[in-house]
N, C-alpha and C. Protein backbone atom coordinates (compact mmCIF):
# COMPACT_ATOMS: atom_id res chain seq x y z
N MET A 1 19.65 -4.21 -25.47
CA MET A 1 19.71 -5.19 -24.41
C MET A 1 20.67 -4.74 -23.31
N VAL A 2 20.35 -5.10 -22.11
CA VAL A 2 21.17 -4.76 -20.95
C VAL A 2 22.14 -5.91 -20.68
N LYS A 3 23.41 -5.56 -20.58
CA LYS A 3 24.40 -6.58 -20.23
C LYS A 3 24.15 -7.08 -18.82
N ASN A 4 24.50 -8.33 -18.58
CA ASN A 4 24.42 -8.94 -17.26
C ASN A 4 23.00 -9.07 -16.72
N LEU A 5 22.02 -9.10 -17.62
CA LEU A 5 20.62 -9.29 -17.24
C LEU A 5 20.11 -10.57 -17.87
N GLN A 6 19.55 -11.43 -17.02
CA GLN A 6 18.94 -12.67 -17.49
C GLN A 6 17.47 -12.63 -17.11
N VAL A 7 16.61 -12.88 -18.09
CA VAL A 7 15.17 -12.92 -17.86
C VAL A 7 14.66 -14.29 -18.26
N SER A 8 13.94 -14.92 -17.35
CA SER A 8 13.33 -16.22 -17.66
C SER A 8 11.87 -16.18 -17.23
N SER A 9 11.06 -16.94 -17.94
CA SER A 9 9.63 -16.92 -17.64
C SER A 9 8.97 -18.24 -17.96
N GLN A 10 8.14 -18.69 -17.03
CA GLN A 10 7.29 -19.84 -17.28
C GLN A 10 6.00 -19.41 -17.98
N ASP A 11 5.74 -18.11 -18.05
CA ASP A 11 4.58 -17.57 -18.74
C ASP A 11 5.06 -17.03 -20.08
N ILE A 12 4.75 -17.74 -21.17
CA ILE A 12 5.29 -17.36 -22.47
C ILE A 12 4.72 -16.05 -23.00
N SER A 13 3.69 -15.50 -22.37
CA SER A 13 3.14 -14.23 -22.83
C SER A 13 3.98 -13.04 -22.39
N ILE A 14 4.92 -13.24 -21.48
CA ILE A 14 5.76 -12.13 -20.99
C ILE A 14 6.87 -11.86 -22.00
N SER A 15 7.00 -10.62 -22.41
CA SER A 15 8.00 -10.21 -23.39
C SER A 15 9.33 -9.93 -22.69
N LYS A 16 10.30 -10.81 -22.92
CA LYS A 16 11.62 -10.61 -22.34
C LYS A 16 12.26 -9.33 -22.87
N LYS A 17 11.99 -9.01 -24.13
CA LYS A 17 12.53 -7.79 -24.73
C LYS A 17 12.01 -6.55 -23.98
N SER A 18 10.73 -6.57 -23.62
CA SER A 18 10.15 -5.43 -22.88
C SER A 18 10.72 -5.34 -21.47
N VAL A 19 10.99 -6.48 -20.84
CA VAL A 19 11.61 -6.46 -19.51
C VAL A 19 13.00 -5.84 -19.63
N HIS A 20 13.76 -6.22 -20.66
CA HIS A 20 15.08 -5.62 -20.89
C HIS A 20 14.96 -4.11 -21.07
N LYS A 21 13.95 -3.68 -21.83
CA LYS A 21 13.75 -2.24 -22.05
C LYS A 21 13.45 -1.52 -20.74
N LEU A 22 12.59 -2.10 -19.93
CA LEU A 22 12.25 -1.48 -18.64
C LEU A 22 13.49 -1.38 -17.75
N ILE A 23 14.28 -2.44 -17.69
CA ILE A 23 15.49 -2.41 -16.86
C ILE A 23 16.48 -1.37 -17.40
N PHE A 24 16.59 -1.27 -18.72
CA PHE A 24 17.45 -0.25 -19.34
C PHE A 24 17.01 1.15 -18.89
N LEU A 25 15.71 1.41 -18.93
CA LEU A 25 15.19 2.72 -18.52
C LEU A 25 15.45 2.99 -17.04
N LEU A 26 15.25 1.98 -16.20
CA LEU A 26 15.51 2.13 -14.76
C LEU A 26 17.00 2.32 -14.49
N LYS A 27 17.82 1.59 -15.23
CA LYS A 27 19.29 1.73 -15.11
C LYS A 27 19.70 3.17 -15.37
N ASN A 28 19.15 3.75 -16.44
CA ASN A 28 19.47 5.14 -16.77
C ASN A 28 18.86 6.13 -15.78
N GLU A 29 17.64 5.85 -15.34
CA GLU A 29 16.95 6.73 -14.38
C GLU A 29 17.76 6.89 -13.09
N PHE A 30 18.34 5.81 -12.61
CA PHE A 30 19.06 5.83 -11.35
C PHE A 30 20.57 5.83 -11.52
N ASN A 31 21.05 5.89 -12.77
CA ASN A 31 22.48 5.88 -13.06
C ASN A 31 23.15 4.67 -12.39
N LEU A 32 22.66 3.49 -12.75
CA LEU A 32 23.08 2.24 -12.11
C LEU A 32 24.12 1.49 -12.91
N GLU A 33 24.89 0.69 -12.21
CA GLU A 33 25.71 -0.34 -12.81
C GLU A 33 25.03 -1.67 -12.50
N ILE A 34 24.96 -2.54 -13.48
CA ILE A 34 24.38 -3.86 -13.24
C ILE A 34 25.49 -4.89 -13.40
N SER A 35 25.94 -5.42 -12.25
CA SER A 35 26.97 -6.46 -12.33
C SER A 35 26.32 -7.80 -12.63
N SER A 36 25.13 -8.03 -12.09
CA SER A 36 24.37 -9.24 -12.38
C SER A 36 22.94 -9.06 -11.90
N LEU A 37 21.98 -9.37 -12.77
CA LEU A 37 20.57 -9.30 -12.40
C LEU A 37 19.83 -10.43 -13.10
N SER A 38 19.10 -11.19 -12.32
CA SER A 38 18.27 -12.27 -12.84
C SER A 38 16.83 -11.97 -12.45
N ILE A 39 15.94 -11.97 -13.44
CA ILE A 39 14.51 -11.77 -13.19
C ILE A 39 13.80 -13.01 -13.69
N SER A 40 13.10 -13.70 -12.79
CA SER A 40 12.40 -14.93 -13.14
C SER A 40 10.92 -14.80 -12.82
N PHE A 41 10.09 -15.10 -13.80
CA PHE A 41 8.65 -15.14 -13.62
C PHE A 41 8.29 -16.61 -13.46
N ILE A 42 7.88 -16.98 -12.24
CA ILE A 42 7.68 -18.39 -11.90
C ILE A 42 6.29 -18.61 -11.30
N SER A 43 5.96 -19.86 -11.08
CA SER A 43 4.65 -20.20 -10.51
C SER A 43 4.59 -19.81 -9.03
N SER A 44 3.39 -19.68 -8.53
CA SER A 44 3.18 -19.38 -7.10
C SER A 44 3.76 -20.48 -6.22
N ASN A 45 3.59 -21.73 -6.64
CA ASN A 45 4.12 -22.85 -5.85
C ASN A 45 5.64 -22.77 -5.73
N LYS A 46 6.32 -22.48 -6.84
CA LYS A 46 7.78 -22.39 -6.82
C LYS A 46 8.24 -21.22 -5.95
N LEU A 47 7.55 -20.09 -6.06
CA LEU A 47 7.92 -18.92 -5.25
C LEU A 47 7.69 -19.20 -3.77
N ARG A 48 6.62 -19.89 -3.45
CA ARG A 48 6.36 -20.26 -2.06
C ARG A 48 7.46 -21.17 -1.52
N GLU A 49 7.93 -22.12 -2.33
CA GLU A 49 9.02 -23.00 -1.93
C GLU A 49 10.28 -22.20 -1.60
N VAL A 50 10.61 -21.25 -2.45
CA VAL A 50 11.79 -20.40 -2.23
C VAL A 50 11.59 -19.56 -0.97
N ASN A 51 10.39 -19.02 -0.79
CA ASN A 51 10.07 -18.21 0.39
C ASN A 51 10.26 -19.02 1.67
N GLU A 52 9.82 -20.27 1.66
CA GLU A 52 9.98 -21.15 2.83
C GLU A 52 11.45 -21.53 3.04
N GLN A 53 12.11 -21.93 1.96
CA GLN A 53 13.48 -22.43 2.06
C GLN A 53 14.48 -21.37 2.50
N PHE A 54 14.40 -20.17 1.93
CA PHE A 54 15.41 -19.16 2.18
C PHE A 54 15.02 -18.11 3.21
N LEU A 55 13.73 -17.89 3.41
CA LEU A 55 13.29 -16.85 4.35
C LEU A 55 12.47 -17.38 5.51
N ASN A 56 12.21 -18.69 5.51
CA ASN A 56 11.40 -19.33 6.54
C ASN A 56 10.01 -18.70 6.67
N HIS A 57 9.46 -18.25 5.54
CA HIS A 57 8.11 -17.69 5.49
C HIS A 57 7.18 -18.72 4.87
N ASN A 58 6.15 -19.09 5.59
CA ASN A 58 5.24 -20.12 5.13
C ASN A 58 3.96 -19.48 4.58
N TYR A 59 4.12 -18.65 3.52
CA TYR A 59 2.96 -18.02 2.90
C TYR A 59 3.29 -17.62 1.46
N ASP A 60 2.23 -17.38 0.69
CA ASP A 60 2.39 -16.94 -0.69
C ASP A 60 2.78 -15.47 -0.73
N THR A 61 3.47 -15.09 -1.79
CA THR A 61 3.82 -13.70 -2.03
C THR A 61 3.88 -13.50 -3.53
N ASP A 62 3.88 -12.25 -3.96
CA ASP A 62 3.96 -11.98 -5.40
C ASP A 62 5.39 -11.77 -5.87
N ILE A 63 6.30 -11.42 -4.95
CA ILE A 63 7.68 -11.12 -5.34
C ILE A 63 8.64 -11.39 -4.19
N LEU A 64 9.82 -11.87 -4.55
CA LEU A 64 10.94 -11.98 -3.62
C LEU A 64 12.14 -11.36 -4.30
N THR A 65 12.93 -10.64 -3.53
CA THR A 65 14.13 -10.01 -4.06
C THR A 65 15.31 -10.39 -3.19
N PHE A 66 16.37 -10.80 -3.84
CA PHE A 66 17.61 -11.14 -3.14
C PHE A 66 18.69 -10.19 -3.62
N ASN A 67 19.20 -9.39 -2.69
CA ASN A 67 20.20 -8.37 -3.00
C ASN A 67 21.56 -8.84 -2.50
N TYR A 68 22.51 -8.96 -3.42
CA TYR A 68 23.85 -9.42 -3.06
C TYR A 68 24.87 -8.29 -3.07
N SER A 69 24.43 -7.08 -3.38
CA SER A 69 25.33 -5.93 -3.46
C SER A 69 25.26 -5.10 -2.19
N LYS A 70 26.38 -4.57 -1.82
CA LYS A 70 26.44 -3.65 -0.68
C LYS A 70 26.46 -2.20 -1.15
N LYS A 71 26.62 -2.00 -2.46
CA LYS A 71 26.75 -0.64 -3.01
C LYS A 71 25.39 -0.10 -3.43
N GLN A 72 25.19 1.19 -3.22
CA GLN A 72 23.91 1.84 -3.50
C GLN A 72 23.57 1.86 -4.99
N LYS A 73 24.53 2.10 -5.85
CA LYS A 73 24.26 2.27 -7.28
C LYS A 73 24.71 1.08 -8.13
N GLU A 74 24.94 -0.07 -7.49
CA GLU A 74 25.32 -1.26 -8.22
C GLU A 74 24.32 -2.38 -7.92
N ILE A 75 23.80 -2.97 -8.98
CA ILE A 75 22.84 -4.06 -8.80
C ILE A 75 23.53 -5.39 -9.00
N ASP A 76 23.36 -6.24 -8.01
CA ASP A 76 23.77 -7.64 -8.06
C ASP A 76 22.69 -8.39 -7.30
N GLY A 77 21.75 -8.99 -8.02
CA GLY A 77 20.66 -9.61 -7.31
C GLY A 77 19.74 -10.43 -8.18
N GLU A 78 18.70 -10.93 -7.53
CA GLU A 78 17.69 -11.74 -8.18
C GLU A 78 16.31 -11.20 -7.81
N ILE A 79 15.42 -11.21 -8.79
CA ILE A 79 14.03 -10.86 -8.58
C ILE A 79 13.21 -12.05 -9.04
N LEU A 80 12.39 -12.58 -8.14
CA LEU A 80 11.50 -13.70 -8.46
C LEU A 80 10.08 -13.20 -8.34
N ILE A 81 9.32 -13.35 -9.42
CA ILE A 81 7.95 -12.84 -9.48
C ILE A 81 7.00 -13.99 -9.80
N SER A 82 5.93 -14.08 -9.03
CA SER A 82 4.89 -15.07 -9.33
C SER A 82 3.95 -14.47 -10.37
N PHE A 83 3.99 -15.02 -11.59
CA PHE A 83 3.08 -14.53 -12.62
C PHE A 83 1.63 -14.86 -12.25
N GLU A 84 1.41 -15.92 -11.47
CA GLU A 84 0.05 -16.27 -11.05
C GLU A 84 -0.48 -15.25 -10.03
N GLU A 85 0.36 -14.85 -9.08
CA GLU A 85 -0.05 -13.82 -8.11
C GLU A 85 -0.25 -12.49 -8.81
N ALA A 86 0.59 -12.21 -9.83
CA ALA A 86 0.43 -10.98 -10.61
C ALA A 86 -0.93 -10.95 -11.30
N ARG A 87 -1.33 -12.09 -11.87
CA ARG A 87 -2.67 -12.18 -12.50
C ARG A 87 -3.77 -11.98 -11.47
N TYR A 88 -3.60 -12.62 -10.30
CA TYR A 88 -4.58 -12.49 -9.22
C TYR A 88 -4.69 -11.02 -8.78
N ASN A 89 -3.53 -10.37 -8.56
CA ASN A 89 -3.53 -8.96 -8.14
C ASN A 89 -4.18 -8.06 -9.19
N ALA A 90 -3.87 -8.32 -10.45
CA ALA A 90 -4.45 -7.51 -11.53
C ALA A 90 -5.97 -7.61 -11.51
N LYS A 91 -6.47 -8.82 -11.34
CA LYS A 91 -7.93 -9.02 -11.28
C LYS A 91 -8.51 -8.37 -10.02
N LYS A 92 -7.85 -8.60 -8.89
CA LYS A 92 -8.32 -8.07 -7.60
C LYS A 92 -8.40 -6.54 -7.60
N PHE A 93 -7.37 -5.89 -8.19
CA PHE A 93 -7.32 -4.42 -8.18
C PHE A 93 -7.81 -3.80 -9.49
N ASN A 94 -8.37 -4.66 -10.37
CA ASN A 94 -8.96 -4.20 -11.62
C ASN A 94 -7.98 -3.38 -12.46
N ILE A 95 -6.77 -3.95 -12.64
CA ILE A 95 -5.77 -3.32 -13.49
C ILE A 95 -5.28 -4.32 -14.53
N ASN A 96 -4.61 -3.83 -15.51
CA ASN A 96 -4.07 -4.65 -16.59
C ASN A 96 -2.94 -5.54 -16.06
N TYR A 97 -2.91 -6.79 -16.50
CA TYR A 97 -1.87 -7.75 -16.10
C TYR A 97 -0.47 -7.21 -16.42
N ALA A 98 -0.29 -6.64 -17.60
CA ALA A 98 1.02 -6.09 -17.99
C ALA A 98 1.45 -4.97 -17.06
N LYS A 99 0.51 -4.14 -16.64
CA LYS A 99 0.83 -3.04 -15.72
C LYS A 99 1.23 -3.60 -14.35
N GLU A 100 0.58 -4.65 -13.91
CA GLU A 100 0.94 -5.28 -12.65
C GLU A 100 2.34 -5.89 -12.73
N LEU A 101 2.66 -6.53 -13.85
CA LEU A 101 4.02 -7.06 -14.04
C LEU A 101 5.05 -5.93 -14.01
N THR A 102 4.72 -4.82 -14.67
CA THR A 102 5.62 -3.66 -14.66
C THR A 102 5.83 -3.18 -13.23
N ARG A 103 4.75 -3.09 -12.46
CA ARG A 103 4.84 -2.65 -11.07
C ARG A 103 5.76 -3.57 -10.27
N LEU A 104 5.61 -4.88 -10.48
CA LEU A 104 6.42 -5.83 -9.71
C LEU A 104 7.89 -5.75 -10.08
N VAL A 105 8.21 -5.59 -11.35
CA VAL A 105 9.62 -5.45 -11.75
C VAL A 105 10.20 -4.18 -11.12
N ILE A 106 9.47 -3.07 -11.21
CA ILE A 106 9.92 -1.82 -10.60
C ILE A 106 10.08 -2.00 -9.10
N HIS A 107 9.13 -2.63 -8.46
CA HIS A 107 9.19 -2.88 -7.01
C HIS A 107 10.46 -3.65 -6.65
N GLY A 108 10.76 -4.69 -7.43
CA GLY A 108 11.96 -5.48 -7.18
C GLY A 108 13.23 -4.67 -7.34
N VAL A 109 13.29 -3.86 -8.38
CA VAL A 109 14.48 -3.01 -8.59
C VAL A 109 14.63 -2.02 -7.44
N LEU A 110 13.53 -1.46 -6.97
CA LEU A 110 13.61 -0.53 -5.83
C LEU A 110 14.16 -1.23 -4.59
N HIS A 111 13.76 -2.47 -4.37
CA HIS A 111 14.35 -3.22 -3.26
C HIS A 111 15.85 -3.38 -3.44
N LEU A 112 16.28 -3.63 -4.67
CA LEU A 112 17.72 -3.76 -4.93
C LEU A 112 18.46 -2.45 -4.74
N LEU A 113 17.71 -1.34 -4.78
CA LEU A 113 18.28 -0.01 -4.52
C LEU A 113 18.13 0.37 -3.05
N HIS A 114 17.81 -0.61 -2.23
CA HIS A 114 17.71 -0.47 -0.78
C HIS A 114 16.47 0.29 -0.30
N PHE A 115 15.44 0.36 -1.14
CA PHE A 115 14.15 0.85 -0.67
C PHE A 115 13.55 -0.28 0.16
N ASP A 116 12.75 0.09 1.15
CA ASP A 116 12.21 -0.90 2.07
C ASP A 116 10.71 -0.66 2.22
N ASP A 117 10.00 -1.71 2.57
CA ASP A 117 8.56 -1.57 2.80
C ASP A 117 8.12 -2.36 4.04
N THR A 118 8.98 -2.36 5.05
CA THR A 118 8.69 -3.13 6.26
C THR A 118 7.87 -2.36 7.29
N ASP A 119 7.82 -1.04 7.18
CA ASP A 119 6.98 -0.27 8.09
C ASP A 119 6.20 0.76 7.26
N ALA A 120 5.22 1.39 7.89
CA ALA A 120 4.30 2.29 7.18
C ALA A 120 5.02 3.46 6.52
N SER A 121 5.98 4.03 7.20
CA SER A 121 6.70 5.20 6.67
C SER A 121 7.53 4.84 5.44
N SER A 122 8.32 3.78 5.54
CA SER A 122 9.15 3.39 4.40
C SER A 122 8.30 2.84 3.26
N LYS A 123 7.20 2.20 3.60
CA LYS A 123 6.28 1.68 2.58
C LYS A 123 5.69 2.83 1.76
N LYS A 124 5.34 3.93 2.43
CA LYS A 124 4.77 5.10 1.77
C LYS A 124 5.79 5.72 0.80
N ILE A 125 7.04 5.82 1.24
CA ILE A 125 8.11 6.37 0.40
C ILE A 125 8.33 5.48 -0.83
N MET A 126 8.38 4.17 -0.60
CA MET A 126 8.61 3.24 -1.69
C MET A 126 7.44 3.25 -2.68
N LYS A 127 6.22 3.28 -2.18
CA LYS A 127 5.03 3.29 -3.04
C LYS A 127 4.98 4.55 -3.90
N LYS A 128 5.36 5.68 -3.32
CA LYS A 128 5.39 6.94 -4.07
C LYS A 128 6.38 6.85 -5.23
N GLU A 129 7.56 6.31 -4.98
CA GLU A 129 8.57 6.15 -6.03
C GLU A 129 8.10 5.14 -7.08
N GLU A 130 7.51 4.07 -6.62
CA GLU A 130 6.97 3.04 -7.51
C GLU A 130 5.92 3.64 -8.46
N ASN A 131 4.98 4.40 -7.92
CA ASN A 131 3.94 5.02 -8.73
C ASN A 131 4.51 6.01 -9.73
N LYS A 132 5.49 6.78 -9.31
CA LYS A 132 6.14 7.74 -10.20
C LYS A 132 6.76 7.02 -11.40
N LEU A 133 7.46 5.92 -11.13
CA LEU A 133 8.13 5.17 -12.19
C LEU A 133 7.14 4.44 -13.08
N ILE A 134 6.07 3.91 -12.51
CA ILE A 134 5.03 3.24 -13.32
C ILE A 134 4.43 4.24 -14.30
N ASN A 135 4.14 5.45 -13.83
CA ASN A 135 3.57 6.47 -14.71
C ASN A 135 4.57 6.92 -15.77
N LYS A 136 5.83 7.00 -15.41
CA LYS A 136 6.86 7.45 -16.35
C LYS A 136 7.17 6.40 -17.41
N PHE A 137 7.22 5.14 -17.01
CA PHE A 137 7.61 4.06 -17.92
C PHE A 137 6.47 3.08 -18.16
N ASN A 138 5.31 3.58 -18.43
CA ASN A 138 4.13 2.73 -18.60
C ASN A 138 4.12 2.12 -19.99
N PHE A 139 4.50 0.85 -20.07
CA PHE A 139 4.40 0.10 -21.31
C PHE A 139 4.17 -1.36 -20.99
N ALA A 140 3.77 -2.12 -21.99
CA ALA A 140 3.36 -3.51 -21.78
C ALA A 140 4.55 -4.45 -21.70
N LEU A 141 4.49 -5.37 -20.74
CA LEU A 141 5.50 -6.42 -20.64
C LEU A 141 4.99 -7.73 -21.25
N LEU A 142 3.87 -7.64 -21.97
CA LEU A 142 3.33 -8.84 -22.60
C LEU A 142 3.70 -8.87 -24.08
N ALA A 143 4.01 -10.03 -24.56
CA ALA A 143 4.38 -10.20 -25.97
C ALA A 143 3.23 -9.74 -26.86
N GLY A 144 3.58 -9.06 -27.92
CA GLY A 144 2.57 -8.61 -28.88
C GLY A 144 1.82 -7.37 -28.47
N LYS A 145 2.21 -6.77 -27.36
CA LYS A 145 1.52 -5.56 -26.90
C LYS A 145 2.35 -4.33 -27.20
């Protein structure tokens, strides 16, 4: 288990133990310190409320990341993932739900490491890193898998 990591989920099929394992692997991959990290798998409606309240964005999204650290190798933040959007994306792109959840957790951690996806160039760099990590740490985040 990773110290200072809290995982919560409204989808009981998500394995908190596997999320801890993935974060442990990413922590070692990037030689990170985790002062505090919260990962929550919530409904699309709840994520939309947070998106509107804190970012003034009036649309659905699959993930929001809040970074409270100014240091490159220290994580202090929150990752909010819509398990409903993850299911939708998995179906839309014809991939496994667990793999989509893995992608979203990795995506959130990359944001906490100051990767950005606001323009085409930075999005390409982030996607390349995301794909590399998905291939390296490909395992199921679903209970019983």
